[in-house]
Amino acid sequence: MKREPSPDLDVLHRLARPAGRDVVDIGCGGGALVRELARSGARATGVEISAQQLAPALAADPGAAGRYLVGRAQELPLPDGSMDVAIFMRALHHVPPGDLMTALREARRVLRAEGVVYVAEPLPEGDYFALTTLVEDELEVREAAQRALADAGRVGLERVTTVEYPLAIELADIAAYRRRTVSVDPDRAPVFDARREEIEAAFSRLGAPGDGEARVFVQPMRADLLRRV
């Protein structure tokens, strides 16, 4: 296992080589990765769990650089063998633990014979993780995601490469952090607002100074490339 300083996109492009291929971003959120993939020449599809969750991606992509579908990781709205790369970018741990193997099986189903699954997961460590725990404690779900990846052979996938790297996350202010964390799950909003004072104190204490009032937080990441057995 290698450990190296490299951002999400560099590792994704180097390991999965999505340019010029049919790619699905499972749990695409605001669609930033879909748009980046389209710019690199990929035929990119984003899948998100509801129309509400997908709305920001559609609004940010008026030129329809990518295709967007409502669906769940456990039941992807895609035909068998239609994709070259299936991506979970910080998304696998948001799948309920009991459904993780189903989600990986679905990712395999939509792959062509030489296709790959790329999974980038935040590890339960670092100052950004400490900040996140004030809104939602993700220790168990992040550990469950790693166990599922280790057991991916059960659904016909095998690990090809694993890379660990630190991801620097710069947030302009506490409002930017609220937008980021609530965009992942709208149910976090009332928790955030109820604990705002505590979160603001941690925001000022953790991380390092960025530009102006911004703070920079480090989130250790692990990227896995898996292929069909």
Protein backbone atom coordinates (compact mmCIF):
# COMPACT_ATOMS: atom_id res chain seq x y z
CA MET A 1 0.00 0.00 0.00
CA LYS A 2 1.33 3.43 -0.98
CA ARG A 3 0.73 6.71 0.82
CA GLU A 4 1.19 9.87 -1.21
CA PRO A 5 0.01 13.52 -1.28
CA SER A 6 -2.40 13.74 -4.20
CA PRO A 7 -5.89 15.21 -4.59
CA ASP A 8 -9.01 13.25 -5.48
CA LEU A 9 -9.00 13.95 -9.21
CA ASP A 10 -5.33 13.15 -9.75
CA VAL A 11 -5.69 9.74 -8.13
CA LEU A 12 -8.96 9.02 -9.96
CA HIS A 13 -7.55 9.88 -13.38
CA ARG A 14 -4.33 7.97 -12.77
CA LEU A 15 -5.93 4.77 -11.49
CA ALA A 16 -9.25 4.56 -13.36
CA ARG A 17 -8.42 6.48 -16.57
CA PRO A 18 -12.00 7.67 -17.20
CA ALA A 19 -11.28 9.97 -20.18
CA GLY A 20 -13.11 8.84 -23.31
CA ARG A 21 -15.08 6.15 -21.47
CA ASP A 22 -18.62 5.60 -20.19
CA VAL A 23 -18.52 6.51 -16.51
CA VAL A 24 -21.13 6.63 -13.75
CA ASP A 25 -20.70 8.68 -10.57
CA ILE A 26 -22.85 6.94 -7.96
CA GLY A 27 -24.05 9.49 -5.40
CA CYS A 28 -23.08 12.45 -7.56
CA GLY A 29 -24.37 15.18 -5.24
CA GLY A 30 -23.99 18.60 -6.85
CA GLY A 31 -22.51 17.08 -9.99
CA ALA A 32 -19.03 18.61 -9.75
CA LEU A 33 -17.33 15.31 -10.57
CA VAL A 34 -19.71 14.60 -13.46
CA ARG A 35 -18.85 17.98 -15.00
CA GLU A 36 -15.13 17.40 -14.48
CA LEU A 37 -15.36 13.96 -16.08
CA ALA A 38 -17.24 15.41 -19.06
CA ARG A 39 -14.55 18.09 -19.47
CA SER A 40 -11.93 15.34 -19.59
CA GLY A 41 -13.77 13.62 -22.43
CA ALA A 42 -15.71 10.99 -20.49
CA ARG A 43 -19.35 10.21 -21.26
CA ALA A 44 -20.46 10.89 -17.69
CA THR A 45 -23.65 9.91 -15.88
CA GLY A 46 -24.52 11.04 -12.36
CA VAL A 47 -26.90 9.09 -10.13
CA GLU A 48 -28.46 10.61 -7.02
CA ILE A 49 -31.07 9.26 -4.63
CA SER A 50 -33.87 11.80 -5.21
CA ALA A 51 -34.94 14.66 -7.46
CA GLN A 52 -34.30 17.03 -4.55
CA GLN A 53 -30.73 15.79 -4.13
CA LEU A 54 -30.18 15.92 -7.89
CA ALA A 55 -31.55 19.46 -8.37
CA PRO A 56 -28.23 21.28 -7.64
CA ALA A 57 -26.41 19.15 -10.23
CA LEU A 58 -28.99 19.94 -12.90
CA ALA A 59 -28.90 23.65 -12.04
CA ALA A 60 -25.10 23.73 -12.27
CA ASP A 61 -25.04 21.97 -15.65
CA PRO A 62 -27.43 23.92 -17.92
CA GLY A 63 -25.48 22.81 -20.98
CA ALA A 64 -26.07 19.15 -20.07
CA ALA A 65 -22.41 18.16 -20.17
CA GLY A 66 -23.44 15.08 -18.23
CA ARG A 67 -26.50 12.87 -17.91
CA TYR A 68 -28.31 12.72 -14.56
CA LEU A 69 -30.59 9.99 -13.23
CA VAL A 70 -32.52 9.45 -10.01
CA GLY A 71 -31.67 6.12 -8.45
CA ARG A 72 -30.05 4.26 -5.58
CA ALA A 73 -26.68 2.56 -5.42
CA GLN A 74 -28.54 -0.62 -4.48
CA GLU A 75 -30.60 -0.52 -7.70
CA LEU A 76 -28.82 1.49 -10.37
CA PRO A 77 -31.05 2.76 -13.22
CA LEU A 78 -28.61 1.49 -15.84
CA PRO A 79 -28.52 -1.56 -18.15
CA ASP A 80 -26.18 -4.48 -17.59
CA GLY A 81 -22.71 -3.97 -19.06
CA SER A 82 -23.24 -0.34 -20.02
CA MET A 83 -20.34 1.33 -18.16
CA ASP A 84 -16.55 1.23 -18.24
CA VAL A 85 -16.02 2.86 -14.84
CA ALA A 86 -18.32 2.98 -11.80
CA ILE A 87 -17.26 5.54 -9.21
CA PHE A 88 -18.12 5.96 -5.53
CA MET A 89 -16.45 9.28 -4.64
CA ARG A 90 -16.80 9.59 -0.85
CA ALA A 91 -20.22 7.98 -1.30
CA LEU A 92 -19.99 4.30 -0.38
CA HIS A 93 -20.22 4.93 3.38
CA HIS A 94 -23.55 6.71 2.83
CA VAL A 95 -25.08 3.42 1.70
CA PRO A 96 -26.76 1.65 4.65
CA PRO A 97 -24.31 -0.96 6.03
CA GLY A 98 -26.70 -3.81 5.30
CA ASP A 99 -26.87 -2.77 1.63
CA LEU A 100 -23.15 -2.28 0.93
CA MET A 101 -22.61 -5.62 -0.78
CA THR A 102 -25.73 -5.05 -2.88
CA ALA A 103 -24.34 -1.68 -3.97
CA LEU A 104 -21.00 -3.22 -4.97
CA ARG A 105 -22.82 -6.03 -6.80
CA GLU A 106 -24.83 -3.42 -8.71
CA ALA A 107 -21.66 -1.53 -9.64
CA ARG A 108 -20.25 -4.79 -11.03
CA ARG A 109 -23.48 -5.52 -12.91
CA VAL A 110 -23.36 -2.30 -14.92
CA LEU A 111 -19.69 -2.80 -15.91
CA ARG A 112 -18.46 -4.09 -19.22
CA ALA A 113 -16.09 -7.05 -19.12
CA GLU A 114 -12.94 -4.92 -18.74
CA GLY A 115 -14.62 -2.30 -16.55
CA VAL A 116 -13.48 -1.16 -13.11
CA VAL A 117 -15.03 0.12 -9.89
CA TYR A 118 -13.27 3.07 -8.29
CA VAL A 119 -13.99 3.81 -4.63
CA ALA A 120 -12.52 6.80 -2.76
CA GLU A 121 -13.45 6.76 0.92
CA PRO A 122 -12.60 9.13 3.78
CA LEU A 123 -10.90 7.34 6.65
CA PRO A 124 -12.16 7.87 10.22
CA GLU A 125 -9.24 10.08 11.22
CA GLY A 126 -7.92 13.64 10.79
CA ASP A 127 -9.19 17.08 11.75
CA TYR A 128 -11.98 17.15 9.14
CA PHE A 129 -13.31 13.87 10.51
CA ALA A 130 -13.23 15.38 14.03
CA LEU A 131 -15.29 18.33 12.76
CA THR A 132 -17.74 16.04 10.97
CA THR A 133 -18.42 13.99 14.09
CA LEU A 134 -20.09 17.04 15.66
CA VAL A 135 -22.78 16.82 12.97
CA GLU A 136 -22.87 13.04 12.47
CA ASP A 137 -20.61 10.35 13.89
CA GLU A 138 -19.53 8.38 10.82
CA LEU A 139 -17.07 6.04 12.51
CA GLU A 140 -19.22 2.92 12.15
CA VAL A 141 -20.36 3.57 8.58
CA ARG A 142 -16.83 4.37 7.38
CA GLU A 143 -15.51 1.19 8.97
CA ALA A 144 -18.40 -0.79 7.44
CA ALA A 145 -17.48 0.54 3.98
CA GLN A 146 -13.90 -0.64 4.41
CA ARG A 147 -15.05 -4.09 5.53
CA ALA A 148 -17.29 -4.35 2.46
CA LEU A 149 -14.39 -3.48 0.16
CA ALA A 150 -12.20 -6.08 1.86
CA ASP A 151 -14.96 -8.64 1.27
CA ALA A 152 -15.76 -7.57 -2.32
CA GLY A 153 -14.82 -11.01 -3.63
CA ARG A 154 -18.24 -12.17 -2.46
CA VAL A 155 -19.81 -10.15 -5.29
CA GLY A 156 -17.24 -10.91 -7.96
CA LEU A 157 -14.86 -7.99 -7.49
CA GLU A 158 -11.18 -7.98 -6.57
CA ARG A 159 -8.93 -5.16 -5.43
CA VAL A 160 -6.27 -4.21 -7.97
CA THR A 161 -4.72 -1.16 -6.32
CA THR A 162 -5.08 0.70 -3.03
CA VAL A 163 -3.65 4.19 -2.49
CA GLU A 164 -3.87 6.40 0.60
CA TYR A 165 -3.50 10.16 0.33
CA PRO A 166 -4.32 13.31 2.33
CA LEU A 167 -7.05 15.59 0.97
CA ALA A 168 -6.89 19.27 1.95
CA ILE A 169 -10.35 20.85 2.28
CA GLU A 170 -10.44 24.67 2.42
CA LEU A 171 -13.62 26.24 3.77
CA ALA A 172 -14.16 29.99 3.54
CA ASP A 173 -16.21 30.19 6.73
CA ILE A 174 -18.67 28.33 8.91
CA ALA A 175 -21.48 28.98 6.40
CA ALA A 176 -19.45 27.24 3.70
CA TYR A 177 -19.01 24.25 5.99
CA ARG A 178 -22.74 24.14 6.70
CA ARG A 179 -23.55 24.16 2.98
CA ARG A 180 -21.05 21.40 2.32
CA THR A 181 -22.17 19.08 5.08
CA VAL A 182 -25.92 19.63 4.61
CA SER A 183 -25.66 19.05 0.84
CA VAL A 184 -24.63 15.47 1.62
CA ASP A 185 -27.72 14.88 3.76
CA PRO A 186 -30.45 17.54 4.30
CA ASP A 187 -31.37 15.85 7.60
CA ARG A 188 -28.11 17.21 9.01
CA ALA A 189 -29.42 20.80 8.94
CA PRO A 190 -31.32 20.78 12.27
CA VAL A 191 -28.43 18.99 14.01
CA PHE A 192 -25.96 21.55 12.67
CA ASP A 193 -28.13 24.47 13.76
CA ALA A 194 -28.69 23.03 17.23
CA ARG A 195 -24.92 22.59 17.77
CA ARG A 196 -23.78 25.66 15.85
CA GLU A 197 -21.86 27.25 18.74
CA GLU A 198 -19.93 24.07 19.41
CA ILE A 199 -19.24 23.57 15.71
CA GLU A 200 -18.06 27.17 15.29
CA ALA A 201 -15.61 26.72 18.18
CA ALA A 202 -14.25 23.51 16.64
CA PHE A 203 -14.05 25.15 13.20
CA SER A 204 -11.81 27.87 14.66
CA ARG A 205 -9.72 25.42 16.68
CA LEU A 206 -9.12 22.65 14.16
CA GLY A 207 -7.26 22.78 10.89
CA ALA A 208 -4.87 25.45 9.70
CA PRO A 209 -5.31 29.06 8.52
CA GLY A 210 -6.18 29.48 4.84
CA ASP A 211 -6.77 32.60 2.75
CA GLY A 212 -8.46 35.35 4.74
CA GLU A 213 -10.78 33.78 7.31
CA ALA A 214 -10.71 30.37 5.66
CA ARG A 215 -9.61 27.23 7.47
CA VAL A 216 -7.91 24.24 5.84
CA PHE A 217 -8.75 20.78 7.12
CA VAL A 218 -7.05 17.51 6.23
CA GLN A 219 -9.06 14.39 5.48
CA PRO A 220 -7.03 11.18 5.00
CA MET A 221 -8.44 9.23 2.04
CA ARG A 222 -8.18 5.68 0.71
CA ALA A 223 -8.80 4.93 -2.98
CA ASP A 224 -9.44 1.39 -4.21
CA LEU A 225 -9.57 0.18 -7.79
CA LEU A 226 -11.51 -3.05 -8.22
CA ARG A 227 -12.10 -5.20 -11.28
CA ARG A 228 -14.44 -8.03 -12.17
CA VAL A 229 -13.17 -11.45 -11.17
